Amino acid sequence: MDISQIQPGDMVFAAADLFSDGEIPGYAEGALVVKAGTRGVLINTGHYEEYPDVEFYLVQFEDESGTLGLSLGCWAEELSTEPYN
């Protein structure tokens, strides 16, 4: 499935390791936040004012115990609908 077709509640996976940009509480800039392949659920989609033509995805990722925890804003290229190999 194409990322642009997903809806809130759909399962997604981190397509790559995701690192902090320095604005995530509890994570220093450059710190690994989500490992590639981590499963999550799409919470919502939206747009940044600076990039009105580019979709942005709010995803709640599972923690090490499998519980939904951390919510991150992600670009389409950072997500996959297929498990990471």
PDB file of N, CA and C in Angstrom:
ATOM      1  N   MET A   1       0.856  -1.180   0.000  1.00  0.00           N
ATOM      2  CA  MET A   1       0.000   0.000   0.000  1.00  0.00           C
ATOM      3  C   MET A   1       0.898   1.238   0.000  1.00  0.00           C
ATOM      4  N   ASP A   2       0.501   2.240  -0.728  1.00  0.00           N
ATOM      5  CA  ASP A   2       1.188   3.517  -0.792  1.00  0.00           C
ATOM      6  C   ASP A   2       0.936   4.284   0.510  1.00  0.00           C
ATOM      7  N   ILE A   3       1.986   4.883   1.068  1.00  0.00           N
ATOM      8  CA  ILE A   3       1.845   5.637   2.318  1.00  0.00           C
ATOM      9  C   ILE A   3       0.768   6.711   2.202  1.00  0.00           C
ATOM     10  N   SER A   4       0.631   7.330   1.044  1.00  0.00           N
ATOM     11  CA  SER A   4      -0.362   8.398   0.897  1.00  0.00           C
ATOM     12  C   SER A   4      -1.795   7.887   1.019  1.00  0.00           C
ATOM     13  N   GLN A   5      -1.988   6.572   0.999  1.00  0.00           N
ATOM     14  CA  GLN A   5      -3.328   5.983   1.081  1.00  0.00           C
ATOM     15  C   GLN A   5      -3.714   5.562   2.498  1.00  0.00           C
ATOM     16  N   ILE A   6      -2.783   5.652   3.457  1.00  0.00           N
ATOM     17  CA  ILE A   6      -3.097   5.180   4.802  1.00  0.00           C
ATOM     18  C   ILE A   6      -4.041   6.146   5.512  1.00  0.00           C
ATOM     19  N   GLN A   7      -4.767   5.593   6.462  1.00  0.00           N
ATOM     20  CA  GLN A   7      -5.756   6.329   7.228  1.00  0.00           C
ATOM     21  C   GLN A   7      -5.444   6.197   8.712  1.00  0.00           C
ATOM     22  N   PRO A   8      -5.916   7.139   9.543  1.00  0.00           N
ATOM     23  CA  PRO A   8      -5.723   6.995  10.982  1.00  0.00           C
ATOM     24  C   PRO A   8      -6.172   5.612  11.451  1.00  0.00           C
ATOM     25  N   GLY A   9      -5.331   5.005  12.279  1.00  0.00           N
ATOM     26  CA  GLY A   9      -5.600   3.666  12.786  1.00  0.00           C
ATOM     27  C   GLY A   9      -4.854   2.588  12.022  1.00  0.00           C
ATOM     28  N   ASP A  10      -4.319   2.909  10.832  1.00  0.00           N
ATOM     29  CA  ASP A  10      -3.564   1.925  10.049  1.00  0.00           C
ATOM     30  C   ASP A  10      -2.192   1.694  10.662  1.00  0.00           C
ATOM     31  N   MET A  11      -1.707   0.451  10.536  1.00  0.00           N
ATOM     32  CA  MET A  11      -0.392   0.076  11.021  1.00  0.00           C
ATOM     33  C   MET A  11       0.667   0.515  10.017  1.00  0.00           C
ATOM     34  N   VAL A  12       1.770   1.044  10.542  1.00  0.00           N
ATOM     35  CA  VAL A  12       2.917   1.425   9.721  1.00  0.00           C
ATOM     36  C   VAL A  12       4.185   0.962  10.430  1.00  0.00           C
ATOM     37  N   PHE A  13       5.305   1.067   9.729  1.00  0.00           N
ATOM     38  CA  PHE A  13       6.600   0.692  10.274  1.00  0.00           C
ATOM     39  C   PHE A  13       7.602   1.789   9.962  1.00  0.00           C
ATOM     40  N   ALA A  14       8.558   1.982  10.861  1.00  0.00           N
ATOM     41  CA  ALA A  14       9.644   2.921  10.577  1.00  0.00           C
ATOM     42  C   ALA A  14      10.485   2.334   9.455  1.00  0.00           C
ATOM     43  N   ALA A  15      10.650   3.068   8.373  1.00  0.00           N
ATOM     44  CA  ALA A  15      11.405   2.590   7.210  1.00  0.00           C
ATOM     45  C   ALA A  15      12.909   2.748   7.420  1.00  0.00           C
ATOM     46  N   ALA A  16      13.295   3.521   8.408  1.00  0.00           N
ATOM     47  CA  ALA A  16      14.706   3.759   8.722  1.00  0.00           C
ATOM     48  C   ALA A  16      14.787   4.125  10.197  1.00  0.00           C
ATOM     49  N   ASP A  17      15.992   4.117  10.737  1.00  0.00           N
ATOM     50  CA  ASP A  17      16.170   4.617  12.097  1.00  0.00           C
ATOM     51  C   ASP A  17      15.756   6.086  12.115  1.00  0.00           C
ATOM     52  N   LEU A  18      15.033   6.486  13.161  1.00  0.00           N
ATOM     53  CA  LEU A  18      14.578   7.873  13.290  1.00  0.00           C
ATOM     54  C   LEU A  18      15.315   8.522  14.457  1.00  0.00           C
ATOM     55  N   PHE A  19      15.897   9.678  14.202  1.00  0.00           N
ATOM     56  CA  PHE A  19      16.721  10.377  15.177  1.00  0.00           C
ATOM     57  C   PHE A  19      16.069  11.687  15.592  1.00  0.00           C
ATOM     58  N   SER A  20      16.367  12.130  16.804  1.00  0.00           N
ATOM     59  CA  SER A  20      15.821  13.369  17.330  1.00  0.00           C
ATOM     60  C   SER A  20      16.409  14.579  16.612  1.00  0.00           C
ATOM     61  N   ASP A  21      15.535  15.547  16.351  1.00  0.00           N
ATOM     62  CA  ASP A  21      15.985  16.814  15.779  1.00  0.00           C
ATOM     63  C   ASP A  21      16.275  17.830  16.886  1.00  0.00           C
ATOM     64  N   GLY A  22      16.240  17.349  18.118  1.00  0.00           N
ATOM     65  CA  GLY A  22      16.497  18.212  19.267  1.00  0.00           C
ATOM     66  C   GLY A  22      15.248  18.777  19.907  1.00  0.00           C
ATOM     67  N   GLU A  23      14.089  18.473  19.326  1.00  0.00           N
ATOM     68  CA  GLU A  23      12.837  19.017  19.855  1.00  0.00           C
ATOM     69  C   GLU A  23      11.961  17.961  20.521  1.00  0.00           C
ATOM     70  N   ILE A  24      12.476  16.754  20.695  1.00  0.00           N
ATOM     71  CA  ILE A  24      11.710  15.686  21.338  1.00  0.00           C
ATOM     72  C   ILE A  24      12.121  15.616  22.799  1.00  0.00           C
ATOM     73  N   PRO A  25      11.196  15.868  23.722  1.00  0.00           N
ATOM     74  CA  PRO A  25      11.541  15.842  25.147  1.00  0.00           C
ATOM     75  C   PRO A  25      12.191  14.505  25.548  1.00  0.00           C
ATOM     76  N   GLY A  26      13.295  14.598  26.261  1.00  0.00           N
ATOM     77  CA  GLY A  26      13.981  13.408  26.746  1.00  0.00           C
ATOM     78  C   GLY A  26      14.998  12.840  25.777  1.00  0.00           C
ATOM     79  N   TYR A  27      15.127  13.426  24.583  1.00  0.00           N
ATOM     80  CA  TYR A  27      16.069  12.940  23.578  1.00  0.00           C
ATOM     81  C   TYR A  27      16.952  14.092  23.105  1.00  0.00           C
ATOM     82  N   ALA A  28      18.252  13.911  23.243  1.00  0.00           N
ATOM     83  CA  ALA A  28      19.193  14.914  22.749  1.00  0.00           C
ATOM     84  C   ALA A  28      19.172  14.931  21.230  1.00  0.00           C
ATOM     85  N   GLU A  29      19.564  16.036  20.639  1.00  0.00           N
ATOM     86  CA  GLU A  29      19.653  16.114  19.184  1.00  0.00           C
ATOM     87  C   GLU A  29      20.588  15.026  18.674  1.00  0.00           C
ATOM     88  N   GLY A  30      20.124  14.282  17.676  1.00  0.00           N
ATOM     89  CA  GLY A  30      20.911  13.206  17.079  1.00  0.00           C
ATOM     90  C   GLY A  30      20.726  11.854  17.745  1.00  0.00           C
ATOM     91  N   ALA A  31      19.981  11.795  18.858  1.00  0.00           N
ATOM     92  CA  ALA A  31      19.763  10.527  19.562  1.00  0.00           C
ATOM     93  C   ALA A  31      18.780   9.641  18.788  1.00  0.00           C
ATOM     94  N   LEU A  32      19.035   8.337  18.800  1.00  0.00           N
ATOM     95  CA  LEU A  32      18.114   7.377  18.177  1.00  0.00           C
ATOM     96  C   LEU A  32      16.818   7.346  18.973  1.00  0.00           C
ATOM     97  N   VAL A  33      15.694   7.566  18.287  1.00  0.00           N
ATOM     98  CA  VAL A  33      14.392   7.598  18.946  1.00  0.00           C
ATOM     99  C   VAL A  33      13.598   6.333  18.624  1.00  0.00           C
ATOM    100  N   VAL A  34      13.593   5.932  17.356  1.00  0.00           N
ATOM    101  CA  VAL A  34      12.852   4.757  16.907  1.00  0.00           C
ATOM    102  C   VAL A  34      13.744   3.973  15.950  1.00  0.00           C
ATOM    103  N   LYS A  35      13.880   2.685  16.203  1.00  0.00           N
ATOM    104  CA  LYS A  35      14.682   1.835  15.322  1.00  0.00           C
ATOM    105  C   LYS A  35      13.895   1.459  14.067  1.00  0.00           C
ATOM    106  N   ALA A  36      14.607   1.294  12.971  1.00  0.00           N
ATOM    107  CA  ALA A  36      13.983   0.831  11.727  1.00  0.00           C
ATOM    108  C   ALA A  36      13.222  -0.452  12.008  1.00  0.00           C
ATOM    109  N   GLY A  37      12.032  -0.548  11.456  1.00  0.00           N
ATOM    110  CA  GLY A  37      11.208  -1.737  11.623  1.00  0.00           C
ATOM    111  C   GLY A  37      10.236  -1.666  12.773  1.00  0.00           C
ATOM    112  N   THR A  38      10.354  -0.641  13.622  1.00  0.00           N
ATOM    113  CA  THR A  38       9.438  -0.514  14.757  1.00  0.00           C
ATOM    114  C   THR A  38       8.027  -0.279  14.247  1.00  0.00           C
ATOM    115  N   ARG A  39       7.100  -1.004  14.830  1.00  0.00           N
ATOM    116  CA  ARG A  39       5.700  -0.905  14.424  1.00  0.00           C
ATOM    117  C   ARG A  39       5.032   0.277  15.119  1.00  0.00           C
ATOM    118  N   GLY A  40       4.115   0.903  14.402  1.00  0.00           N
ATOM    119  CA  GLY A  40       3.358   2.005  14.961  1.00  0.00           C
ATOM    120  C   GLY A  40       1.981   2.082  14.335  1.00  0.00           C
ATOM    121  N   VAL A  41       1.212   3.046  14.794  1.00  0.00           N
ATOM    122  CA  VAL A  41      -0.129   3.258  14.264  1.00  0.00           C
ATOM    123  C   VAL A  41      -0.261   4.735  13.898  1.00  0.00           C
ATOM    124  N   LEU A  42      -0.850   4.982  12.733  1.00  0.00           N
ATOM    125  CA  LEU A  42      -1.051   6.361  12.295  1.00  0.00           C
ATOM    126  C   LEU A  42      -2.139   7.008  13.153  1.00  0.00           C
ATOM    127  N   ILE A  43      -1.797   8.168  13.731  1.00  0.00           N
ATOM    128  CA  ILE A  43      -2.747   8.911  14.557  1.00  0.00           C
ATOM    129  C   ILE A  43      -3.469   9.958  13.718  1.00  0.00           C
ATOM    130  N   ASN A  44      -2.695  10.679  12.898  1.00  0.00           N
ATOM    131  CA  ASN A  44      -3.292  11.753  12.109  1.00  0.00           C
ATOM    132  C   ASN A  44      -2.320  12.164  11.006  1.00  0.00           C
ATOM    133  N   THR A  45      -2.826  12.898  10.039  1.00  0.00           N
ATOM    134  CA  THR A  45      -1.984  13.471   8.993  1.00  0.00           C
ATOM    135  C   THR A  45      -2.212  14.976   8.975  1.00  0.00           C
ATOM    136  N   GLY A  46      -1.255  15.675   8.427  1.00  0.00           N
ATOM    137  CA  GLY A  46      -1.393  17.118   8.346  1.00  0.00           C
ATOM    138  C   GLY A  46      -0.309  17.698   7.467  1.00  0.00           C
ATOM    139  N   HIS A  47      -0.130  19.001   7.592  1.00  0.00           N
ATOM    140  CA  HIS A  47       0.849  19.731   6.782  1.00  0.00           C
ATOM    141  C   HIS A  47       1.508  20.788   7.658  1.00  0.00           C
ATOM    142  N   TYR A  48       2.778  21.024   7.408  1.00  0.00           N
ATOM    143  CA  TYR A  48       3.448  22.170   8.010  1.00  0.00           C
ATOM    144  C   TYR A  48       3.103  23.401   7.183  1.00  0.00           C
ATOM    145  N   GLU A  49       2.986  24.518   7.854  1.00  0.00           N
ATOM    146  CA  GLU A  49       2.689  25.765   7.153  1.00  0.00           C
ATOM    147  C   GLU A  49       3.744  26.054   6.086  1.00  0.00           C
ATOM    148  N   GLU A  50       5.008  25.717   6.398  1.00  0.00           N
ATOM    149  CA  GLU A  50       6.104  25.971   5.463  1.00  0.00           C
ATOM    150  C   GLU A  50       6.070  25.059   4.236  1.00  0.00           C
ATOM    151  N   TYR A  51       5.412  23.905   4.353  1.00  0.00           N
ATOM    152  CA  TYR A  51       5.358  22.913   3.268  1.00  0.00           C
ATOM    153  C   TYR A  51       3.909  22.479   3.032  1.00  0.00           C
ATOM    154  N   PRO A  52       3.061  23.350   2.538  1.00  0.00           N
ATOM    155  CA  PRO A  52       1.635  23.032   2.436  1.00  0.00           C
ATOM    156  C   PRO A  52       1.309  21.889   1.472  1.00  0.00           C
ATOM    157  N   ASP A  53       2.222  21.557   0.557  1.00  0.00           N
ATOM    158  CA  ASP A  53       1.951  20.498  -0.412  1.00  0.00           C
ATOM    159  C   ASP A  53       2.524  19.139  -0.009  1.00  0.00           C
ATOM    160  N   VAL A  54       3.145  19.076   1.170  1.00  0.00           N
ATOM    161  CA  VAL A  54       3.789  17.839   1.614  1.00  0.00           C
ATOM    162  C   VAL A  54       3.074  17.317   2.852  1.00  0.00           C
ATOM    163  N   GLU A  55       2.608  16.066   2.782  1.00  0.00           N
ATOM    164  CA  GLU A  55       1.886  15.466   3.903  1.00  0.00           C
ATOM    165  C   GLU A  55       2.866  15.053   5.003  1.00  0.00           C
ATOM    166  N   PHE A  56       2.429  15.226   6.234  1.00  0.00           N
ATOM    167  CA  PHE A  56       3.190  14.891   7.420  1.00  0.00           C
ATOM    168  C   PHE A  56       2.333  13.918   8.226  1.00  0.00           C
ATOM    169  N   TYR A  57       2.952  12.934   8.867  1.00  0.00           N
ATOM    170  CA  TYR A  57       2.220  11.857   9.541  1.00  0.00           C
ATOM    171  C   TYR A  57       2.569  11.819  11.022  1.00  0.00           C
ATOM    172  N   LEU A  58       1.568  11.845  11.879  1.00  0.00           N
ATOM    173  CA  LEU A  58       1.772  11.659  13.309  1.00  0.00           C
ATOM    174  C   LEU A  58       1.560  10.187  13.607  1.00  0.00           C
ATOM    175  N   VAL A  59       2.617   9.543  14.084  1.00  0.00           N
ATOM    176  CA  VAL A  59       2.597   8.098  14.323  1.00  0.00           C
ATOM    177  C   VAL A  59       2.936   7.823  15.776  1.00  0.00           C
ATOM    178  N   GLN A  60       2.180   6.922  16.390  1.00  0.00           N
ATOM    179  CA  GLN A  60       2.486   6.476  17.743  1.00  0.00           C
ATOM    180  C   GLN A  60       3.171   5.124  17.611  1.00  0.00           C
ATOM    181  N   PHE A  61       4.436   5.069  18.022  1.00  0.00           N
ATOM    182  CA  PHE A  61       5.238   3.859  17.889  1.00  0.00           C
ATOM    183  C   PHE A  61       5.203   3.026  19.161  1.00  0.00           C
ATOM    184  N   GLU A  62       5.394   1.722  18.990  1.00  0.00           N
ATOM    185  CA  GLU A  62       5.480   0.811  20.131  1.00  0.00           C
ATOM    186  C   GLU A  62       6.817   0.982  20.842  1.00  0.00           C
ATOM    187  N   ASP A  63       6.798   0.755  22.149  1.00  0.00           N
ATOM    188  CA  ASP A  63       8.047   0.725  22.890  1.00  0.00           C
ATOM    189  C   ASP A  63       8.566  -0.712  22.926  1.00  0.00           C
ATOM    190  N   GLU A  64       9.624  -0.950  23.690  1.00  0.00           N
ATOM    191  CA  GLU A  64      10.244  -2.280  23.731  1.00  0.00           C
ATOM    192  C   GLU A  64       9.298  -3.374  24.234  1.00  0.00           C
ATOM    193  N   SER A  65       8.289  -2.997  25.033  1.00  0.00           N
ATOM    194  CA  SER A  65       7.354  -3.989  25.565  1.00  0.00           C
ATOM    195  C   SER A  65       6.157  -4.223  24.644  1.00  0.00           C
ATOM    196  N   GLY A  66       6.100  -3.492  23.512  1.00  0.00           N
ATOM    197  CA  GLY A  66       4.987  -3.647  22.586  1.00  0.00           C
ATOM    198  C   GLY A  66       3.813  -2.736  22.882  1.00  0.00           C
ATOM    199  N   THR A  67       3.981  -1.837  23.861  1.00  0.00           N
ATOM    200  CA  THR A  67       2.935  -0.890  24.218  1.00  0.00           C
ATOM    201  C   THR A  67       3.097   0.369  23.384  1.00  0.00           C
ATOM    202  N   LEU A  68       1.984   0.876  22.862  1.00  0.00           N
ATOM    203  CA  LEU A  68       2.058   2.139  22.129  1.00  0.00           C
ATOM    204  C   LEU A  68       2.515   3.226  23.074  1.00  0.00           C
ATOM    205  N   GLY A  69       3.502   3.977  22.633  1.00  0.00           N
ATOM    206  CA  GLY A  69       4.061   5.004  23.487  1.00  0.00           C
ATOM    207  C   GLY A  69       4.338   6.272  22.728  1.00  0.00           C
ATOM    208  N   LEU A  70       5.587   6.460  22.360  1.00  0.00           N
ATOM    209  CA  LEU A  70       6.067   7.689  21.765  1.00  0.00           C
ATOM    210  C   LEU A  70       5.344   8.043  20.468  1.00  0.00           C
ATOM    211  N   SER A  71       4.895   9.289  20.379  1.00  0.00           N
ATOM    212  CA  SER A  71       4.297   9.811  19.141  1.00  0.00           C
ATOM    213  C   SER A  71       5.310  10.703  18.453  1.00  0.00           C
ATOM    214  N   LEU A  72       5.491  10.482  17.164  1.00  0.00           N
ATOM    215  CA  LEU A  72       6.441  11.268  16.386  1.00  0.00           C
ATOM    216  C   LEU A  72       5.804  11.764  15.103  1.00  0.00           C
ATOM    217  N   GLY A  73       6.237  12.917  14.669  1.00  0.00           N
ATOM    218  CA  GLY A  73       5.874  13.399  13.352  1.00  0.00           C
ATOM    219  C   GLY A  73       6.862  12.834  12.349  1.00  0.00           C
ATOM    220  N   CYS A  74       6.372  12.280  11.253  1.00  0.00           N
ATOM    221  CA  CYS A  74       7.226  11.623  10.262  1.00  0.00           C
ATOM    222  C   CYS A  74       6.874  12.078   8.852  1.00  0.00           C
ATOM    223  N   TRP A  75       7.879  12.080   7.994  1.00  0.00           N
ATOM    224  CA  TRP A  75       7.677  12.306   6.569  1.00  0.00           C
ATOM    225  C   TRP A  75       7.377  10.967   5.916  1.00  0.00           C
ATOM    226  N   ALA A  76       6.761  10.981   4.761  1.00  0.00           N
ATOM    227  CA  ALA A  76       6.373   9.748   4.066  1.00  0.00           C
ATOM    228  C   ALA A  76       7.549   8.802   3.855  1.00  0.00           C
ATOM    229  N   GLU A  77       8.722   9.337   3.508  1.00  0.00           N
ATOM    230  CA  GLU A  77       9.876   8.477   3.241  1.00  0.00           C
ATOM    231  C   GLU A  77      10.421   7.802   4.494  1.00  0.00           C
ATOM    232  N   GLU A  78       9.956   8.208   5.658  1.00  0.00           N
ATOM    233  CA  GLU A  78      10.395   7.595   6.918  1.00  0.00           C
ATOM    234  C   GLU A  78       9.501   6.441   7.340  1.00  0.00           C
ATOM    235  N   LEU A  79       8.428   6.193   6.559  1.00  0.00           N
ATOM    236  CA  LEU A  79       7.440   5.171   6.917  1.00  0.00           C
ATOM    237  C   LEU A  79       7.265   4.145   5.798  1.00  0.00           C
ATOM    238  N   SER A  80       6.804   2.985   6.215  1.00  0.00           N
ATOM    239  CA  SER A  80       6.476   1.912   5.284  1.00  0.00           C
ATOM    240  C   SER A  80       5.218   1.212   5.769  1.00  0.00           C
ATOM    241  N   THR A  81       4.481   0.661   4.843  1.00  0.00           N
ATOM    242  CA  THR A  81       3.324  -0.153   5.218  1.00  0.00           C
ATOM    243  C   THR A  81       3.714  -1.621   5.356  1.00  0.00           C
ATOM    244  N   GLU A  82       4.952  -1.938   5.007  1.00  0.00           N
ATOM    245  CA  GLU A  82       5.453  -3.312   5.073  1.00  0.00           C
ATOM    246  C   GLU A  82       6.505  -3.426   6.174  1.00  0.00           C
ATOM    247  N   PRO A  83       6.543  -4.573   6.870  1.00  0.00           N
ATOM    248  CA  PRO A  83       7.577  -4.753   7.901  1.00  0.00           C
ATOM    249  C   PRO A  83       8.974  -4.598   7.309  1.00  0.00           C
ATOM    250  N   TYR A  84       9.864  -4.055   8.105  1.00  0.00           N
ATOM    251  CA  TYR A  84      11.253  -3.842   7.729  1.00  0.00           C
ATOM    252  C   TYR A  84      11.961  -5.182   7.620  1.00  0.00           C
ATOM    253  N   ASN A  85      12.729  -5.373   6.577  1.00  0.00           N
ATOM    254  CA  ASN A  85      13.457  -6.641   6.416  1.00  0.00           C
ATOM    255  C   ASN A  85      14.867  -6.494   6.867  1.00  0.00           C
TER     256      ASN A  85
END
